Amino acid sequence: MDTALIRKLDLWWSRIVRYRYASDGGFCQCYTCSVVDSVIRMDNGHFIDRAYLGYRFDENNCRVQCRKCNRLLSGNIERYEILLRHDLGDDLIEDMLASKSKPLEWDDKEAKAMITKWRAECRLLRNQKRF
């Protein structure tokens, strides 16, 4: 898949994750350290590194993180795993870890359709949560 297309997917997916977890008014809580900040100053953190395309846009793999946890602490991954195991269960986490290298199964046409879908969902979430 074209890297420009992946960048667009990243942009919209990051917004989807952050907007879904945002409260009314546009604030999010970091999954790993619980700091609260504006949705625009938070990141979309990944448990399994986003280099593994099959999990890059997976809802089970992504949570809102503050920039300190995501960028400076490399995802605060030990805490992330503890919390994910609690939320999703050990079996799912073990399955994810065992199949990290699963491929992204979208072609360019499907990726463009996902961008359109996520863009519309972002507008809806922003309007619902008023930010």
Protein backbone atom coordinates (compact mmCIF):
# COMPACT_ATOMS: atom_id res chain seq x y z
CA MET A 1 0.00 0.00 0.00
CA ASP A 2 1.16 3.51 -0.83
CA THR A 3 2.87 5.30 2.11
CA ALA A 4 0.87 8.49 1.47
CA LEU A 5 -2.32 6.47 1.84
CA ILE A 6 -1.05 4.92 5.09
CA ARG A 7 -0.30 8.43 6.41
CA LYS A 8 -3.89 9.47 5.65
CA LEU A 9 -5.21 6.35 7.34
CA ASP A 10 -3.02 7.13 10.37
CA LEU A 11 -4.31 10.69 10.58
CA TRP A 12 -7.97 9.70 10.55
CA TRP A 13 -7.55 6.58 12.69
CA SER A 14 -5.72 8.58 15.36
CA ARG A 15 -8.61 11.03 15.45
CA ILE A 16 -11.17 8.22 15.64
CA VAL A 17 -9.43 6.64 18.63
CA ARG A 18 -9.00 9.94 20.46
CA TYR A 19 -12.51 11.18 19.67
CA ARG A 20 -14.15 7.91 20.76
CA TYR A 21 -12.49 8.15 24.16
CA ALA A 22 -13.03 11.91 24.54
CA SER A 23 -15.49 13.34 26.99
CA ASP A 24 -17.90 16.13 26.18
CA GLY A 25 -15.79 19.21 25.72
CA GLY A 26 -12.91 17.31 24.12
CA PHE A 27 -10.76 15.95 26.93
CA CYS A 28 -9.20 12.48 27.12
CA GLN A 29 -7.56 10.44 29.84
CA CYS A 30 -4.27 8.69 29.10
CA TYR A 31 -4.75 4.94 29.17
CA THR A 32 -1.45 4.27 30.91
CA CYS A 33 -0.92 7.16 33.35
CA SER A 34 -4.42 8.69 33.66
CA VAL A 35 -3.34 12.26 32.90
CA VAL A 36 -6.18 14.26 31.33
CA ASP A 37 -5.58 16.67 28.46
CA SER A 38 -7.22 18.06 25.34
CA VAL A 39 -7.98 15.58 22.57
CA ILE A 40 -5.67 17.56 20.27
CA ARG A 41 -2.70 17.12 22.63
CA MET A 42 -3.11 13.36 23.03
CA ASP A 43 -1.87 10.49 20.87
CA ASN A 44 -3.20 7.21 19.57
CA GLY A 45 -1.00 4.68 21.36
CA HIS A 46 -0.44 1.13 20.12
CA PHE A 47 0.22 -1.98 22.19
CA ILE A 48 1.66 -3.88 19.23
CA ASP A 49 3.92 -1.48 17.35
CA ARG A 50 2.25 0.20 14.40
CA ALA A 51 5.01 -1.14 12.15
CA TYR A 52 2.93 -4.32 12.20
CA LEU A 53 0.29 -3.14 9.73
CA GLY A 54 -2.22 -5.84 10.60
CA TYR A 55 -2.64 -4.27 14.05
CA ARG A 56 -1.98 -0.64 13.17
CA PHE A 57 -5.71 0.13 12.82
CA ASP A 58 -7.06 -2.50 15.21
CA GLU A 59 -9.44 -1.26 17.93
CA ASN A 60 -8.13 -3.80 20.43
CA ASN A 61 -4.58 -2.55 19.91
CA CYS A 62 -5.16 1.21 20.20
CA ARG A 63 -5.87 3.47 23.16
CA VAL A 64 -5.46 7.17 23.92
CA GLN A 65 -2.12 8.07 25.45
CA CYS A 66 -0.50 11.29 26.53
CA ARG A 67 2.53 12.29 24.52
CA LYS A 68 4.87 11.55 27.42
CA CYS A 69 3.74 7.91 27.68
CA ASN A 70 3.49 7.36 23.94
CA ARG A 71 6.57 9.19 22.73
CA LEU A 72 9.00 9.60 25.61
CA LEU A 73 8.26 6.33 27.39
CA SER A 74 7.92 4.29 24.17
CA GLY A 75 4.25 3.60 24.84
CA ASN A 76 4.70 2.84 28.54
CA ILE A 77 4.27 -0.68 27.21
CA GLU A 78 4.53 -2.65 30.45
CA ARG A 79 1.64 -0.69 31.99
CA TYR A 80 -0.25 -0.80 28.66
CA GLU A 81 -0.05 -4.60 28.61
CA ILE A 82 -1.25 -4.95 32.21
CA LEU A 83 -4.28 -2.76 31.50
CA LEU A 84 -5.09 -4.44 28.18
CA ARG A 85 -4.91 -7.88 29.77
CA HIS A 86 -7.38 -6.67 32.38
CA ASP A 87 -9.69 -5.12 29.77
CA LEU A 88 -9.50 -7.73 27.00
CA GLY A 89 -8.31 -10.89 28.72
CA ASP A 90 -5.11 -12.87 28.55
CA ASP A 91 -6.29 -15.10 25.69
CA LEU A 92 -6.87 -12.22 23.28
CA ILE A 93 -3.56 -10.56 24.18
CA GLU A 94 -1.70 -13.85 23.70
CA ASP A 95 -3.42 -14.32 20.32
CA MET A 96 -2.43 -10.79 19.28
CA LEU A 97 1.19 -11.31 20.32
CA ALA A 98 1.39 -14.66 18.55
CA SER A 99 0.08 -13.22 15.29
CA LYS A 100 1.82 -9.82 15.28
CA SER A 101 2.91 -10.20 11.72
CA LYS A 102 -0.59 -10.61 10.27
CA PRO A 103 -0.88 -8.53 7.09
CA LEU A 104 -3.08 -5.52 6.54
CA GLU A 105 -5.85 -6.96 4.43
CA TRP A 106 -7.03 -3.78 2.70
CA ASP A 107 -6.26 -2.76 -0.82
CA ASP A 108 -6.04 0.90 -1.86
CA LYS A 109 -9.74 1.10 -2.74
CA GLU A 110 -10.78 -0.27 0.67
CA ALA A 111 -8.31 2.05 2.42
CA LYS A 112 -9.83 5.07 0.68
CA ALA A 113 -13.30 3.90 1.73
CA MET A 114 -12.08 3.64 5.36
CA ILE A 115 -10.74 7.20 5.21
CA THR A 116 -14.13 8.45 4.00
CA LYS A 117 -15.91 6.48 6.73
CA TRP A 118 -13.56 7.68 9.50
CA ARG A 119 -13.77 11.29 8.33
CA ALA A 120 -17.58 11.15 8.62
CA GLU A 121 -17.36 9.47 12.03
CA CYS A 122 -14.97 12.20 13.24
CA ARG A 123 -17.43 14.92 12.24
CA LEU A 124 -20.24 13.10 14.02
CA LEU A 125 -18.23 12.56 17.21
CA ARG A 126 -17.01 16.17 17.29
CA ASN A 127 -20.56 17.43 16.95
CA GLN A 128 -21.91 15.03 19.58
CA LYS A 129 -19.20 15.85 22.10
CA ARG A 130 -18.99 19.54 21.21
CA PHE A 131 -15.30 20.09 20.64
